[in-house]
C-alpha atoms as a PDB file:
ATOM      1  CA  MET A   1      99.035  99.446 129.788  1.00  0.00           C
ATOM      2  CA  ASN A   2     101.831 100.410 127.401  1.00  0.00           C
ATOM      3  CA  ILE A   3     102.320  97.773 124.702  1.00  0.00           C
ATOM      4  CA  PHE A   4     105.269  98.190 122.343  1.00  0.00           C
ATOM      5  CA  ILE A   5     105.284  96.210 119.095  1.00  0.00           C
ATOM      6  CA  THR A   6     107.770  95.840 116.274  1.00  0.00           C
ATOM      7  CA  GLY A   7     106.938  93.833 113.176  1.00  0.00           C
ATOM      8  CA  GLU A   8     105.875  93.933 109.569  1.00  0.00           C
ATOM      9  CA  ASP A   9     102.594  95.693 108.785  1.00  0.00           C
ATOM     10  CA  ARG A  10     100.503  92.557 108.424  1.00  0.00           C
ATOM     11  CA  ARG A  11     101.470  91.029 111.738  1.00  0.00           C
ATOM     12  CA  PHE A  12     101.471  94.359 113.561  1.00  0.00           C
ATOM     13  CA  GLU A  13      97.891  95.014 112.463  1.00  0.00           C
ATOM     14  CA  GLU A  14      96.797  91.498 113.385  1.00  0.00           C
ATOM     15  CA  LEU A  15      98.252  91.767 116.890  1.00  0.00           C
ATOM     16  CA  ARG A  16      96.916  95.298 117.340  1.00  0.00           C
ATOM     17  CA  ASP A  17      93.421  94.090 116.458  1.00  0.00           C
ATOM     18  CA  LYS A  18      93.764  91.199 118.903  1.00  0.00           C
ATOM     19  CA  LEU A  19      94.847  93.433 121.782  1.00  0.00           C
ATOM     20  CA  MET A  20      92.726  96.512 121.033  1.00  0.00           C
ATOM     21  CA  LYS A  21      91.222  97.685 124.322  1.00  0.00           C
ATOM     22  CA  ASP A  22      90.357 101.136 125.651  1.00  0.00           C
ATOM     23  CA  ASN A  23      92.949 101.008 128.429  1.00  0.00           C
ATOM     24  CA  PHE A  24      95.829  99.827 126.212  1.00  0.00           C
ATOM     25  CA  ASP A  25      98.258 102.172 124.511  1.00  0.00           C
ATOM     26  CA  ILE A  26      99.766 100.361 121.538  1.00  0.00           C
ATOM     27  CA  ILE A  27     103.015 101.907 120.327  1.00  0.00           C
ATOM     28  CA  ARG A  28     104.968 100.784 117.313  1.00  0.00           C
ATOM     29  CA  PHE A  29     108.759 100.901 117.285  1.00  0.00           C
ATOM     30  CA  ASP A  30     111.322 100.021 114.613  1.00  0.00           C
ATOM     31  CA  ASP A  31     114.722  99.760 116.277  1.00  0.00           C
ATOM     32  CA  ALA A  32     115.129  98.669 119.892  1.00  0.00           C
ATOM     33  CA  GLU A  33     118.537 100.286 120.272  1.00  0.00           C
ATOM     34  CA  GLU A  34     117.288 103.664 119.018  1.00  0.00           C
ATOM     35  CA  ASP A  35     114.049 103.434 121.023  1.00  0.00           C
ATOM     36  CA  ILE A  36     115.467 102.011 124.253  1.00  0.00           C
ATOM     37  CA  GLU A  37     114.356 104.963 126.391  1.00  0.00           C
ATOM     38  CA  GLU A  38     110.772 104.525 125.207  1.00  0.00           C
ATOM     39  CA  LEU A  39     110.970 100.751 125.757  1.00  0.00           C
ATOM     40  CA  GLU A  40     111.829 101.414 129.402  1.00  0.00           C
ATOM     41  CA  THR A  41     108.249 102.652 129.804  1.00  0.00           C
ATOM     42  CA  ALA A  42     106.719  99.492 128.306  1.00  0.00           C
ATOM     43  CA  ASP A  43     104.609  97.055 130.283  1.00  0.00           C
ATOM     44  CA  VAL A  44     105.084  94.435 127.595  1.00  0.00           C
ATOM     45  CA  ILE A  45     107.120  94.252 124.375  1.00  0.00           C
ATOM     46  CA  PHE A  46     106.338  92.173 121.270  1.00  0.00           C
ATOM     47  CA  ASP A  47     108.975  91.499 118.613  1.00  0.00           C
ATOM     48  CA  LEU A  48     107.177  89.895 115.673  1.00  0.00           C
ATOM     49  CA  ASN A  49     110.293  89.946 113.457  1.00  0.00           C
ATOM     50  CA  PHE A  50     112.474  87.941 115.825  1.00  0.00           C
ATOM     51  CA  ASP A  51     112.441  84.742 113.758  1.00  0.00           C
ATOM     52  CA  ASP A  52     114.094  86.582 110.898  1.00  0.00           C
ATOM     53  CA  ASP A  53     116.147  89.125 112.841  1.00  0.00           C
ATOM     54  CA  ALA A  54     117.112  88.479 116.465  1.00  0.00           C
ATOM     55  CA  SER A  55     119.474  91.466 116.717  1.00  0.00           C
ATOM     56  CA  ASN A  56     117.197  93.310 119.171  1.00  0.00           C
ATOM     57  CA  LEU A  57     117.710  90.603 121.795  1.00  0.00           C
ATOM     58  CA  ALA A  58     120.889  92.304 123.017  1.00  0.00           C
ATOM     59  CA  VAL A  59     118.781  95.352 123.904  1.00  0.00           C
ATOM     60  CA  TYR A  60     115.903  93.416 125.447  1.00  0.00           C
ATOM     61  CA  ALA A  61     118.399  91.540 127.605  1.00  0.00           C
ATOM     62  CA  THR A  62     119.293  94.779 129.403  1.00  0.00           C
ATOM     63  CA  LEU A  63     115.677  95.674 130.262  1.00  0.00           C
ATOM     64  CA  LYS A  64     115.431  94.382 133.812  1.00  0.00           C
ATOM     65  CA  ASP A  65     112.202  92.503 134.549  1.00  0.00           C
ATOM     66  CA  LYS A  66     110.497  93.681 131.353  1.00  0.00           C
ATOM     67  CA  ILE A  67     108.079  91.207 129.769  1.00  0.00           C
ATOM     68  CA  VAL A  68     109.219  90.464 126.205  1.00  0.00           C
ATOM     69  CA  PHE A  69     107.451  88.204 123.707  1.00  0.00           C
ATOM     70  CA  VAL A  70     109.338  87.239 120.557  1.00  0.00           C
ATOM     71  CA  SER A  71     108.320  85.236 117.514  1.00  0.00           C
ATOM     72  CA  ALA A  72     110.086  81.909 118.077  1.00  0.00           C
ATOM     73  CA  VAL A  73     108.902  79.460 115.430  1.00  0.00           C
ATOM     74  CA  LYS A  74     111.865  79.301 113.040  1.00  0.00           C
ATOM     75  CA  ASN A  75     114.342  79.572 115.916  1.00  0.00           C
ATOM     76  CA  SER A  76     114.148  78.406 119.507  1.00  0.00           C
ATOM     77  CA  LEU A  77     114.700  80.625 122.532  1.00  0.00           C
ATOM     78  CA  ALA A  78     117.473  78.289 123.640  1.00  0.00           C
ATOM     79  CA  GLU A  79     119.430  78.861 120.442  1.00  0.00           C
ATOM     80  CA  ALA A  80     118.932  82.633 120.544  1.00  0.00           C
ATOM     81  CA  LEU A  81     120.084  82.819 124.156  1.00  0.00           C
ATOM     82  CA  TYR A  82     123.051  80.551 123.461  1.00  0.00           C
ATOM     83  CA  LEU A  83     124.255  83.117 120.929  1.00  0.00           C
ATOM     84  CA  LEU A  84     123.580  86.062 123.255  1.00  0.00           C
ATOM     85  CA  ASP A  85     126.800  87.567 124.541  1.00  0.00           C
ATOM     86  CA  SER A  86     125.326  89.036 127.719  1.00  0.00           C
ATOM     87  CA  LYS A  87     123.188  88.181 130.723  1.00  0.00           C
ATOM     88  CA  LEU A  88     119.419  88.070 130.217  1.00  0.00           C
ATOM     89  CA  LYS A  89     117.653  90.494 132.581  1.00  0.00           C
ATOM     90  CA  CYS A  90     114.247  90.636 130.902  1.00  0.00           C
ATOM     91  CA  LYS A  91     111.541  87.978 131.161  1.00  0.00           C
ATOM     92  CA  LEU A  92     111.572  86.359 127.740  1.00  0.00           C
ATOM     93  CA  PHE A  93     108.815  84.286 126.148  1.00  0.00           C
ATOM     94  CA  GLY A  94     108.506  82.737 122.703  1.00  0.00           C
ATOM     95  CA  MET A  95     105.276  82.793 120.748  1.00  0.00           C
ATOM     96  CA  ASN A  96     103.842  81.639 117.466  1.00  0.00           C
ATOM     97  CA  ALA A  97     103.599  85.008 115.745  1.00  0.00           C
ATOM     98  CA  LEU A  98     103.267  83.787 112.172  1.00  0.00           C
ATOM     99  CA  PRO A  99     100.570  85.539 110.114  1.00  0.00           C
ATOM    100  CA  THR A 100      96.999  84.377 110.904  1.00  0.00           C
ATOM    101  CA  PHE A 101      98.059  82.846 114.235  1.00  0.00           C
ATOM    102  CA  LEU A 102      98.096  86.087 116.248  1.00  0.00           C
ATOM    103  CA  ASN A 103      94.376  86.767 116.170  1.00  0.00           C
ATOM    104  CA  ARG A 104      93.317  83.241 117.070  1.00  0.00           C
ATOM    105  CA  SER A 105      91.450  82.361 120.244  1.00  0.00           C
ATOM    106  CA  ARG A 106      94.532  80.803 121.872  1.00  0.00           C
ATOM    107  CA  TRP A 107      98.245  81.547 121.517  1.00  0.00           C
ATOM    108  CA  GLU A 108     101.141  79.107 121.595  1.00  0.00           C
ATOM    109  CA  ILE A 109     103.777  80.297 124.047  1.00  0.00           C
ATOM    110  CA  SER A 110     107.119  78.798 125.050  1.00  0.00           C
ATOM    111  CA  LEU A 111     109.262  79.502 128.109  1.00  0.00           C
ATOM    112  CA  HIS A 112     113.014  79.233 128.473  1.00  0.00           C
ATOM    113  CA  TYR A 113     112.929  79.650 132.238  1.00  0.00           C
ATOM    114  CA  LYS A 114     110.094  77.760 133.914  1.00  0.00           C
ATOM    115  CA  PHE A 115     110.219  80.047 136.966  1.00  0.00           C
ATOM    116  CA  HIS A 116     108.769  82.805 134.758  1.00  0.00           C
ATOM    117  CA  ASN A 117     105.512  80.876 134.499  1.00  0.00           C
ATOM    118  CA  GLN A 118     103.681  83.059 137.046  1.00  0.00           C
ATOM    119  CA  ASP A 119     104.769  86.172 135.161  1.00  0.00           C
ATOM    120  CA  LEU A 120     103.268  84.641 132.033  1.00  0.00           C
ATOM    121  CA  ILE A 121      99.995  83.917 133.815  1.00  0.00           C
ATOM    122  CA  ASP A 122      99.839  87.469 135.150  1.00  0.00           C
ATOM    123  CA  ILE A 123     100.588  89.280 131.876  1.00  0.00           C
ATOM    124  CA  THR A 124      98.290  87.159 129.706  1.00  0.00           C
ATOM    125  CA  SER A 125      95.498  87.744 132.218  1.00  0.00           C
ATOM    126  CA  LYS A 126      96.022  91.502 131.902  1.00  0.00           C
ATOM    127  CA  LEU A 127      96.134  91.241 128.125  1.00  0.00           C
ATOM    128  CA  GLY A 128      92.988  89.125 128.058  1.00  0.00           C
ATOM    129  CA  VAL A 129      94.726  86.368 126.112  1.00  0.00           C
ATOM    130  CA  GLU A 130      94.261  82.618 126.455  1.00  0.00           C
ATOM    131  CA  TYR A 131      97.224  80.408 125.640  1.00  0.00           C
ATOM    132  CA  ASP A 132      98.795  76.969 125.690  1.00  0.00           C
ATOM    133  CA  THR A 133     102.394  76.462 126.715  1.00  0.00           C
ATOM    134  CA  VAL A 134     104.467  74.388 124.306  1.00  0.00           C
ATOM    135  CA  GLU A 135     108.032  73.142 124.327  1.00  0.00           C
ATOM    136  CA  ASP A 136     110.751  75.519 123.189  1.00  0.00           C
ATOM    137  CA  ARG A 137     111.309  73.745 119.883  1.00  0.00           C
ATOM    138  CA  VAL A 138     111.555  74.959 116.314  1.00  0.00           C
ATOM    139  CA  GLY A 139     108.109  74.818 114.711  1.00  0.00           C
ATOM    140  CA  MET A 140     106.209  74.743 117.996  1.00  0.00           C
ATOM    141  CA  VAL A 141     103.026  72.636 117.502  1.00  0.00           C
ATOM    142  CA  SER A 142     100.445  74.129 115.121  1.00  0.00           C
ATOM    143  CA  PRO A 143     102.942  75.108 112.408  1.00  0.00           C
ATOM    144  CA  ARG A 144     104.546  71.654 112.495  1.00  0.00           C
ATOM    145  CA  ILE A 145     101.230  69.935 111.925  1.00  0.00           C
ATOM    146  CA  LEU A 146      99.702  72.370 109.459  1.00  0.00           C
ATOM    147  CA  PHE A 147     102.834  72.945 107.373  1.00  0.00           C
ATOM    148  CA  MET A 148     103.508  69.213 107.146  1.00  0.00           C
ATOM    149  CA  ILE A 149      99.983  68.813 105.737  1.00  0.00           C
ATOM    150  CA  ILE A 150     100.624  71.612 103.228  1.00  0.00           C
ATOM    151  CA  ASN A 151     103.894  69.958 102.201  1.00  0.00           C
ATOM    152  CA  GLU A 152     102.174  66.580 101.724  1.00  0.00           C
ATOM    153  CA  ALA A 153      99.464  68.275  99.655  1.00  0.00           C
ATOM    154  CA  CYS A 154     102.215  69.664  97.443  1.00  0.00           C
ATOM    155  CA  TYR A 155     103.544  66.142  96.852  1.00  0.00           C
ATOM    156  CA  THR A 156     100.025  65.046  95.867  1.00  0.00           C
ATOM    157  CA  LEU A 157      99.753  67.969  93.465  1.00  0.00           C
ATOM    158  CA  GLN A 158     103.237  67.363  92.061  1.00  0.00           C
ATOM    159  CA  GLU A 159     102.390  63.729  91.326  1.00  0.00           C
ATOM    160  CA  GLY A 160      99.322  64.811  89.381  1.00  0.00           C
ATOM    161  CA  THR A 161      96.922  62.945  91.645  1.00  0.00           C
ATOM    162  CA  ALA A 162      94.542  65.891  91.942  1.00  0.00           C
ATOM    163  CA  ALA A 163      94.305  69.608  91.198  1.00  0.00           C
ATOM    164  CA  VAL A 164      94.749  72.427  93.737  1.00  0.00           C
ATOM    165  CA  ASN A 165      91.056  73.162  94.193  1.00  0.00           C
ATOM    166  CA  ASP A 166      90.108  69.473  94.315  1.00  0.00           C
ATOM    167  CA  ILE A 167      92.613  68.818  97.113  1.00  0.00           C
ATOM    168  CA  ASP A 168      91.357  71.811  99.081  1.00  0.00           C
ATOM    169  CA  ILE A 169      87.723  70.765  98.711  1.00  0.00           C
ATOM    170  CA  ALA A 170      88.519  67.154  99.670  1.00  0.00           C
ATOM    171  CA  MET A 171      90.368  68.219 102.819  1.00  0.00           C
ATOM    172  CA  LYS A 172      87.609  70.604 103.913  1.00  0.00           C
ATOM    173  CA  LEU A 173      84.873  68.041 103.339  1.00  0.00           C
ATOM    174  CA  GLY A 174      86.833  65.056 104.599  1.00  0.00           C
ATOM    175  CA  THR A 175      88.468  66.571 107.681  1.00  0.00           C
ATOM    176  CA  ASN A 176      86.212  69.573 108.364  1.00  0.00           C
ATOM    177  CA  TYR A 177      89.173  71.951 108.088  1.00  0.00           C
ATOM    178  CA  PRO A 178      88.108  75.606 107.737  1.00  0.00           C
ATOM    179  CA  LEU A 179      90.527  75.960 104.800  1.00  0.00           C
ATOM    180  CA  GLY A 180      92.210  73.616 102.381  1.00  0.00           C
ATOM    181  CA  PRO A 181      96.018  73.276 102.577  1.00  0.00           C
ATOM    182  CA  PHE A 182      96.669  75.502  99.565  1.00  0.00           C
ATOM    183  CA  GLU A 183      94.198  78.148 100.724  1.00  0.00           C
ATOM    184  CA  TRP A 184      95.930  78.071 104.107  1.00  0.00           C
ATOM    185  CA  CYS A 185      99.357  78.363 102.521  1.00  0.00           C
ATOM    186  CA  ASP A 186      98.343  81.414 100.510  1.00  0.00           C
ATOM    187  CA  LYS A 187      96.728  83.023 103.540  1.00  0.00           C
ATOM    188  CA  ILE A 188      99.753  82.510 105.800  1.00  0.00           C
ATOM    189  CA  GLY A 189     102.267  83.249 103.055  1.00  0.00           C
ATOM    190  CA  ILE A 190     104.298  80.725 101.104  1.00  0.00           C
ATOM    191  CA  ASN A 191     107.537  82.289 102.338  1.00  0.00           C
ATOM    192  CA  GLU A 192     106.574  81.643 105.974  1.00  0.00           C
ATOM    193  CA  VAL A 193     105.494  78.075 105.259  1.00  0.00           C
ATOM    194  CA  PHE A 194     108.636  77.217 103.284  1.00  0.00           C
ATOM    195  CA  GLU A 195     111.103  78.865 105.659  1.00  0.00           C
ATOM    196  CA  THR A 196     109.493  77.284 108.713  1.00  0.00           C
ATOM    197  CA  LEU A 197     109.576  73.829 107.131  1.00  0.00           C
ATOM    198  CA  VAL A 198     113.262  74.320 106.270  1.00  0.00           C
ATOM    199  CA  ALA A 199     113.964  75.269 109.890  1.00  0.00           C
ATOM    200  CA  ILE A 200     112.034  72.270 111.239  1.00  0.00           C
ATOM    201  CA  TYR A 201     113.792  69.863 108.888  1.00  0.00           C
ATOM    202  CA  GLU A 202     117.201  71.266 109.831  1.00  0.00           C
ATOM    203  CA  ASP A 203     116.321  70.869 113.505  1.00  0.00           C
ATOM    204  CA  THR A 204     114.855  67.364 113.317  1.00  0.00           C
ATOM    205  CA  LYS A 205     116.114  65.756 110.079  1.00  0.00           C
ATOM    206  CA  ASP A 206     112.688  64.109 110.054  1.00  0.00           C
ATOM    207  CA  GLU A 207     111.697  63.067 106.514  1.00  0.00           C
ATOM    208  CA  ARG A 208     108.130  64.223 107.169  1.00  0.00           C
ATOM    209  CA  TYR A 209     109.356  67.807 106.858  1.00  0.00           C
ATOM    210  CA  LYS A 210     111.535  67.367 103.786  1.00  0.00           C
ATOM    211  CA  ILE A 211     110.521  70.088 101.353  1.00  0.00           C
ATOM    212  CA  CYS A 212     108.502  69.097  98.297  1.00  0.00           C
ATOM    213  CA  PRO A 213     110.273  70.415  95.152  1.00  0.00           C
ATOM    214  CA  LEU A 214     107.008  71.984  93.972  1.00  0.00           C
ATOM    215  CA  LEU A 215     106.709  73.980  97.185  1.00  0.00           C
ATOM    216  CA  LYS A 216     110.325  75.112  96.847  1.00  0.00           C
ATOM    217  CA  SER A 217     109.709  76.205  93.261  1.00  0.00           C
ATOM    218  CA  LYS A 218     106.631  78.181  94.287  1.00  0.00           C
ATOM    219  CA  TYR A 219     108.636  79.829  97.067  1.00  0.00           C
ATOM    220  CA  LEU A 220     111.528  80.781  94.784  1.00  0.00           C
ATOM    221  CA  LYS A 221     109.100  82.304  92.280  1.00  0.00           C
ATOM    222  CA  ASN A 222     106.987  83.858  95.057  1.00  0.00           C
ATOM    223  CA  GLN A 223     103.903  82.334  93.468  1.00  0.00           C
ATOM    224  CA  PRO A 224     100.663  81.684  95.378  1.00  0.00           C
ATOM    225  CA  PHE A 225      98.665  78.560  94.576  1.00  0.00           C
ATOM    226  CA  TYR A 226      95.639  80.614  93.625  1.00  0.00           C
ATOM    227  CA  LYS A 227      95.772  83.586  91.286  1.00  0.00           C
ATOM    228  CA  LEU A 228      95.666  86.883  93.108  1.00  0.00           C
ATOM    229  CA  LYS A 229      92.354  88.695  92.709  1.00  0.00           C
END
């Protein structure tokens, strides 16, 4: 199986490790328009940069019946296709491709066209991937829940109720989370957490996702919550 992937190093490596099998050829590409002839040979295409740059969609749209997965957490498929100035010929699926989510036991996948469901079943079976289908909404499910918790933890820290490490320890002991909210934020990347929360808030106007000023400050300064080793 020919698997073509475009994305930043961290996510590319995470997905490659998830899909590494003897009968898979994993090929990295940078620009869909320049590499369109090679993409014609793909069995499945992954665009892990789609949330931040959807420009390749115009190329994917021309690839008749090709299976294309795109990162669709900060933007929905519906919005991307609304802005597309051509007919969609590929079979397009959204996925939660944020860092640390790609190599988990189950993926979150969204569909724009429900009649592509059998295609999704077939390709994930070939890839050896288990998944849950979620609605095509900004934030999907896991990021909404986890990033809201991180944001609330930032409010607690900002108010001086407890220190970073104390909050992390309390959440791990009290809720049995594998990581505390600040550990999770650093592992995923504060830029991804902040930008996703902004997108969710813009989509929903729900006060639960309103950005904590401390989190915004950390994002603007590109500061992790724990000192880098």
